[in-house]
Protein backbone atom coordinates (compact mmCIF):
# COMPACT_ATOMS: atom_id res chain seq x y z
CA MET A 1 -42.91 8.09 -6.32
CA PRO A 2 -41.19 8.15 -2.91
CA ASP A 3 -43.04 7.24 0.25
CA SER A 4 -44.87 9.90 2.21
CA PRO A 5 -42.58 12.17 4.25
CA PRO A 6 -43.25 10.62 7.69
CA ASP A 7 -42.77 7.06 6.40
CA TYR A 8 -39.60 7.80 4.44
CA TYR A 9 -38.24 9.83 7.33
CA ASN A 10 -38.51 6.74 9.53
CA ARG A 11 -36.89 4.59 6.86
CA LEU A 12 -33.86 6.90 6.86
CA LEU A 13 -33.54 6.57 10.62
CA GLU A 14 -33.86 2.77 10.44
CA GLN A 15 -31.25 2.51 7.68
CA ARG A 16 -28.79 4.63 9.67
CA ARG A 17 -29.22 2.38 12.72
CA ALA A 18 -28.70 -0.70 10.53
CA GLU A 19 -25.48 0.69 9.02
CA TYR A 20 -24.03 1.56 12.40
CA ALA A 21 -24.88 -1.88 13.78
CA SER A 22 -23.47 -3.87 10.83
CA LYS A 23 -19.77 -4.45 10.22
CA GLY A 24 -20.43 -4.89 6.51
CA LEU A 25 -22.96 -3.22 4.24
CA ALA A 26 -26.49 -3.48 5.61
CA LYS A 27 -29.28 -4.60 3.30
CA MET A 28 -30.79 -1.70 1.36
CA PRO A 29 -33.60 -1.66 -1.22
CA PRO A 30 -32.28 -0.99 -4.75
CA GLU A 31 -34.32 2.22 -5.04
CA PHE A 32 -33.40 3.57 -1.61
CA LEU A 33 -30.89 6.25 -2.69
CA LEU A 34 -33.15 7.50 -5.46
CA GLY A 35 -36.14 7.60 -3.11
CA ALA A 36 -34.13 9.46 -0.46
CA THR A 37 -33.03 12.03 -3.04
CA GLN A 38 -36.61 12.63 -4.21
CA TYR A 39 -37.91 12.80 -0.63
CA LEU A 40 -35.33 15.38 0.45
CA ALA A 41 -35.96 17.45 -2.69
CA SER A 42 -39.72 17.53 -2.06
CA LEU A 43 -39.17 18.37 1.60
CA ARG A 44 -36.87 21.25 0.71
CA GLU A 45 -39.36 22.54 -1.85
CA LEU A 46 -42.10 22.44 0.81
CA LEU A 47 -39.88 24.35 3.26
CA GLU A 48 -39.07 27.07 0.72
CA ARG A 49 -42.75 27.49 -0.17
CA GLU A 50 -43.80 27.76 3.46
CA MET A 51 -41.09 30.31 4.16
CA ARG A 52 -42.34 32.49 1.30
CA GLU A 53 -45.98 32.29 2.34
CA ASN A 54 -45.77 32.40 6.13
CA PRO A 55 -42.15 32.59 7.41
CA THR A 56 -43.15 32.91 11.10
CA SER A 57 -45.53 29.94 11.29
CA LYS A 58 -44.87 26.85 13.37
CA LYS A 59 -45.17 24.75 10.24
CA VAL A 60 -42.02 26.36 8.90
CA GLU A 61 -40.05 25.41 12.00
CA LEU A 62 -41.44 21.87 11.96
CA THR A 63 -40.63 21.42 8.28
CA ARG A 64 -37.12 22.86 8.73
CA SER A 65 -36.41 20.51 11.64
CA THR A 66 -37.69 17.49 9.70
CA TYR A 67 -35.61 18.41 6.66
CA GLN A 68 -32.39 18.91 8.65
CA ARG A 69 -32.77 15.61 10.53
CA ALA A 70 -33.63 13.69 7.39
CA LEU A 71 -30.69 15.23 5.53
CA GLY A 72 -28.34 14.36 8.39
CA SER A 73 -29.56 10.76 8.48
CA ALA A 74 -29.14 10.38 4.71
CA ARG A 75 -25.61 11.83 4.91
CA ASP A 76 -24.68 9.42 7.73
CA VAL A 77 -25.95 6.45 5.74
CA LEU A 78 -24.00 7.43 2.64
CA GLU A 79 -20.75 8.20 4.46
CA SER A 80 -20.91 4.93 6.38
CA ARG A 81 -21.44 2.87 3.24
CA VAL A 82 -18.71 4.66 1.26
CA THR A 83 -16.23 4.03 4.10
CA LYS A 84 -17.15 0.34 4.16
CA ILE A 85 -16.86 0.06 0.37
CA ALA A 86 -13.37 1.60 0.42
CA HIS A 87 -12.28 -0.77 3.20
CA GLN A 88 -13.69 -3.82 1.40
CA ALA A 89 -11.99 -2.81 -1.87
CA ALA A 90 -8.61 -2.63 -0.10
CA GLN A 91 -9.31 -5.96 1.57
CA HIS A 92 -10.19 -7.52 -1.80
CA VAL A 93 -6.86 -6.39 -3.30
CA ASN A 94 -4.91 -7.93 -0.40
CA LEU A 95 -6.96 -11.00 0.52
CA GLY A 96 -9.68 -11.42 -2.11
CA GLY A 97 -13.36 -11.91 -1.36
CA GLU A 98 -16.51 -10.12 -2.47
CA PRO A 99 -18.78 -7.78 -0.46
CA ALA A 100 -22.50 -8.36 -0.05
CA ASN A 101 -25.47 -5.98 -0.35
CA LEU A 102 -23.89 -3.64 -2.93
CA LEU A 103 -26.29 -1.42 -4.87
CA PRO A 104 -25.63 -1.13 -8.64
CA GLU A 105 -24.21 2.38 -8.28
CA GLU A 106 -22.07 1.21 -5.36
CA ARG A 107 -20.74 -1.69 -7.45
CA ALA A 108 -19.38 0.83 -9.97
CA LEU A 109 -17.58 2.68 -7.16
CA TYR A 110 -16.22 -0.58 -5.73
CA ASP A 111 -14.84 -1.74 -9.10
CA ALA A 112 -13.20 1.65 -9.74
CA LEU A 113 -11.48 1.58 -6.34
CA ILE A 114 -10.08 -1.89 -7.01
CA ARG A 115 -8.65 -0.77 -10.36
CA GLU A 116 -6.95 2.23 -8.78
CA LEU A 117 -5.54 0.20 -5.87
CA LEU A 118 -4.13 -2.46 -8.20
CA ALA A 119 -2.53 0.23 -10.39
CA PHE A 120 -0.99 1.81 -7.28
CA ARG A 121 0.51 -1.51 -6.18
CA ARG A 122 2.03 -2.16 -9.60
CA THR A 123 3.58 1.30 -10.04
CA SER A 124 4.33 2.57 -6.52
CA ALA A 125 4.58 -0.51 -4.30
CA PRO A 126 5.76 -3.49 -6.41
CA PHE A 127 7.15 -5.16 -3.30
CA LEU A 128 3.56 -5.84 -2.19
CA GLU A 129 2.87 -8.11 -5.14
CA THR A 130 2.20 -11.63 -3.86
CA GLY A 131 3.95 -13.22 -6.84
CA ALA A 132 7.37 -11.82 -5.94
CA PRO A 133 9.92 -14.59 -5.25
CA PRO A 134 11.30 -14.84 -1.71
CA LEU A 135 14.69 -13.31 -1.05
CA VAL A 136 17.24 -15.79 0.35
CA ALA A 137 20.34 -14.40 2.00
CA SER A 138 23.61 -15.84 0.74
CA PRO A 139 26.90 -15.88 2.69
CA ALA A 140 29.29 -13.01 2.17
CA PRO A 141 31.90 -13.70 -0.51
CA LYS A 142 35.38 -14.52 0.68
CA VAL A 143 37.91 -11.76 0.13
CA PRO A 144 41.43 -13.01 -0.66
CA VAL A 145 44.07 -11.91 1.84
CA PRO A 146 47.38 -10.85 0.25
CA PRO A 147 50.39 -12.84 1.42
CA PRO A 148 52.89 -11.17 3.78
CA VAL A 149 55.73 -9.26 2.16
CA PRO A 150 59.08 -10.88 3.09
CA ALA A 151 61.64 -8.62 4.76
CA PRO A 152 64.90 -7.96 2.89
CA LEU A 153 67.92 -10.03 3.96
CA ALA A 154 70.37 -8.14 6.18
CA PRO A 155 74.14 -8.59 6.02
CA ALA A 156 75.60 -11.12 8.44
CA SER A 157 77.36 -8.38 10.39
CA GLU A 158 74.15 -6.50 11.07
CA ALA A 159 71.35 -7.40 13.42
CA PRO A 160 68.52 -9.23 11.71
CA ALA A 161 65.86 -6.88 10.53
CA ARG A 162 62.38 -7.21 11.94
CA PRO A 163 59.92 -8.84 9.59
CA SER A 164 57.67 -6.36 7.94
CA ALA A 165 54.10 -6.21 9.20
CA VAL A 166 51.49 -8.17 7.38
CA PRO A 167 49.06 -5.75 5.70
CA PRO A 168 45.57 -5.98 7.14
CA ALA A 169 43.00 -8.01 5.31
CA ALA A 170 40.73 -6.13 2.99
CA ALA A 171 37.47 -4.96 4.45
CA VAL A 172 34.72 -7.53 4.23
CA ALA A 173 32.30 -6.73 1.43
CA PRO A 174 28.70 -5.97 2.34
CA THR A 175 26.33 -8.90 2.45
CA VAL A 176 24.82 -9.67 -0.92
CA THR A 177 21.21 -10.77 -0.74
CA SER A 178 19.85 -12.78 -3.64
CA SER A 179 16.32 -13.56 -4.81
CA SER A 180 17.31 -15.10 -8.16
CA PRO A 181 16.39 -18.74 -8.68
CA PRO A 182 19.34 -21.15 -8.23
CA GLY A 183 21.42 -21.02 -11.37
CA GLY A 184 19.24 -18.27 -12.88
CA PRO A 185 20.39 -14.83 -14.04
CA GLY A 186 20.39 -12.02 -11.52
CA VAL A 187 21.12 -8.30 -11.43
CA VAL A 188 23.25 -6.81 -8.69
CA ILE A 189 21.94 -3.52 -7.30
CA ARG A 190 23.07 -1.24 -4.48
CA ILE A 191 20.49 0.30 -2.14
CA LEU A 192 20.73 4.10 -2.10
CA GLN A 193 18.51 4.85 0.87
CA ASP A 194 16.89 3.18 3.84
CA ARG A 195 13.40 2.02 3.03
CA PRO A 196 10.62 0.25 4.95
CA ALA A 197 10.74 -3.52 5.09
CA LEU A 198 10.21 -5.35 1.80
CA ALA A 199 7.20 -7.62 2.43
CA LEU A 200 7.32 -10.97 0.62
CA PRO A 201 5.12 -14.08 0.93
CA ASN A 202 7.61 -16.04 3.04
CA GLU A 203 9.97 -13.37 4.32
CA THR A 204 10.33 -9.70 5.16
CA LEU A 205 13.61 -8.06 4.09
CA GLU A 206 14.81 -4.71 5.38
CA LEU A 207 16.40 -2.38 2.82
CA ARG A 208 19.34 -0.46 4.20
CA LYS A 209 21.62 1.98 2.46
CA GLU A 210 24.71 0.45 0.82
CA ASP A 211 23.26 -3.09 0.92
CA LEU A 212 23.80 -5.18 -2.22
CA LEU A 213 20.95 -7.25 -3.62
CA VAL A 214 20.84 -9.82 -6.41
CA LEU A 215 17.35 -9.69 -7.91
CA PRO A 216 15.63 -10.91 -11.07
CA PRO A 217 15.95 -8.28 -13.83
CA GLU A 218 12.31 -7.15 -13.67
CA LYS A 219 12.38 -6.59 -9.89
CA ALA A 220 15.74 -4.86 -10.03
CA GLN A 221 14.49 -2.53 -12.78
CA LEU A 222 11.50 -1.48 -10.64
CA LEU A 223 13.74 -0.43 -7.74
CA VAL A 224 16.16 1.38 -10.08
CA GLN A 225 13.31 3.30 -11.72
CA ALA A 226 12.02 4.27 -8.27
CA ARG A 227 15.52 5.63 -7.47
CA VAL A 228 15.75 3.36 -4.48
CA ALA A 229 18.77 1.52 -5.91
CA GLU A 230 21.35 1.66 -8.65
CA ARG A 231 22.69 -1.10 -10.83
CA VAL A 232 26.17 -2.47 -10.07
CA GLU A 233 28.28 -3.85 -12.90
CA VAL A 234 30.06 -6.97 -11.65
CA ARG A 235 33.22 -8.06 -13.46
CA PRO A 236 34.77 -11.49 -12.94
CA PRO A 237 38.06 -11.37 -10.98
CA THR A 238 41.25 -11.61 -13.07
CA ARG A 239 43.80 -14.22 -12.14
CA SER A 240 47.37 -13.10 -11.73
CA THR A 241 50.01 -15.08 -13.60
């Protein structure tokens, strides 16, 4: 059975003060939520009975005021603890650690939040996974410059012709960024749209449209499936005879 109304009313007020003063979850008796539920139900039943029997009495107003304040305190306690549990679940996914003073029913909520956050990271934000290898920028590949075209020989009687202009060098290819292990296989992808920075354990890489990346196959496939990039087929250059 819950405590008497005045005593449990004070316990609700004390628990609310404790939650507001504590950065983490304040200590709470295991039966607190059940006792608060029973106390509020009995208080509401008393209020409804008094309103039927003598709706204009002072006891009705006193009971109504007590019920509203107790209900508000219980709501504040619950909302504060749920907010802390959600924050600690997100912190656990990023940094690890375990919260203290969880009730059994709160533990079930905490575990469910962790499962959902981990699933979100794997499917929607794979770049947040701490096991992703660092991306190391490699120098831009050298583009061969075609030799100048010789001018045709003019007859001796004519003025020498001006040498033809040397065609400009081909445009430098975009920088290719690689995260494949040295000597390991890699997949070349082209970024289709600007995206927020790609956070990695040792480096943060910005994704800009038209950039080329060389990634391990599994990482490249995640970005292709998310329509952030497309795969680029690279063919070895042919040598002219």
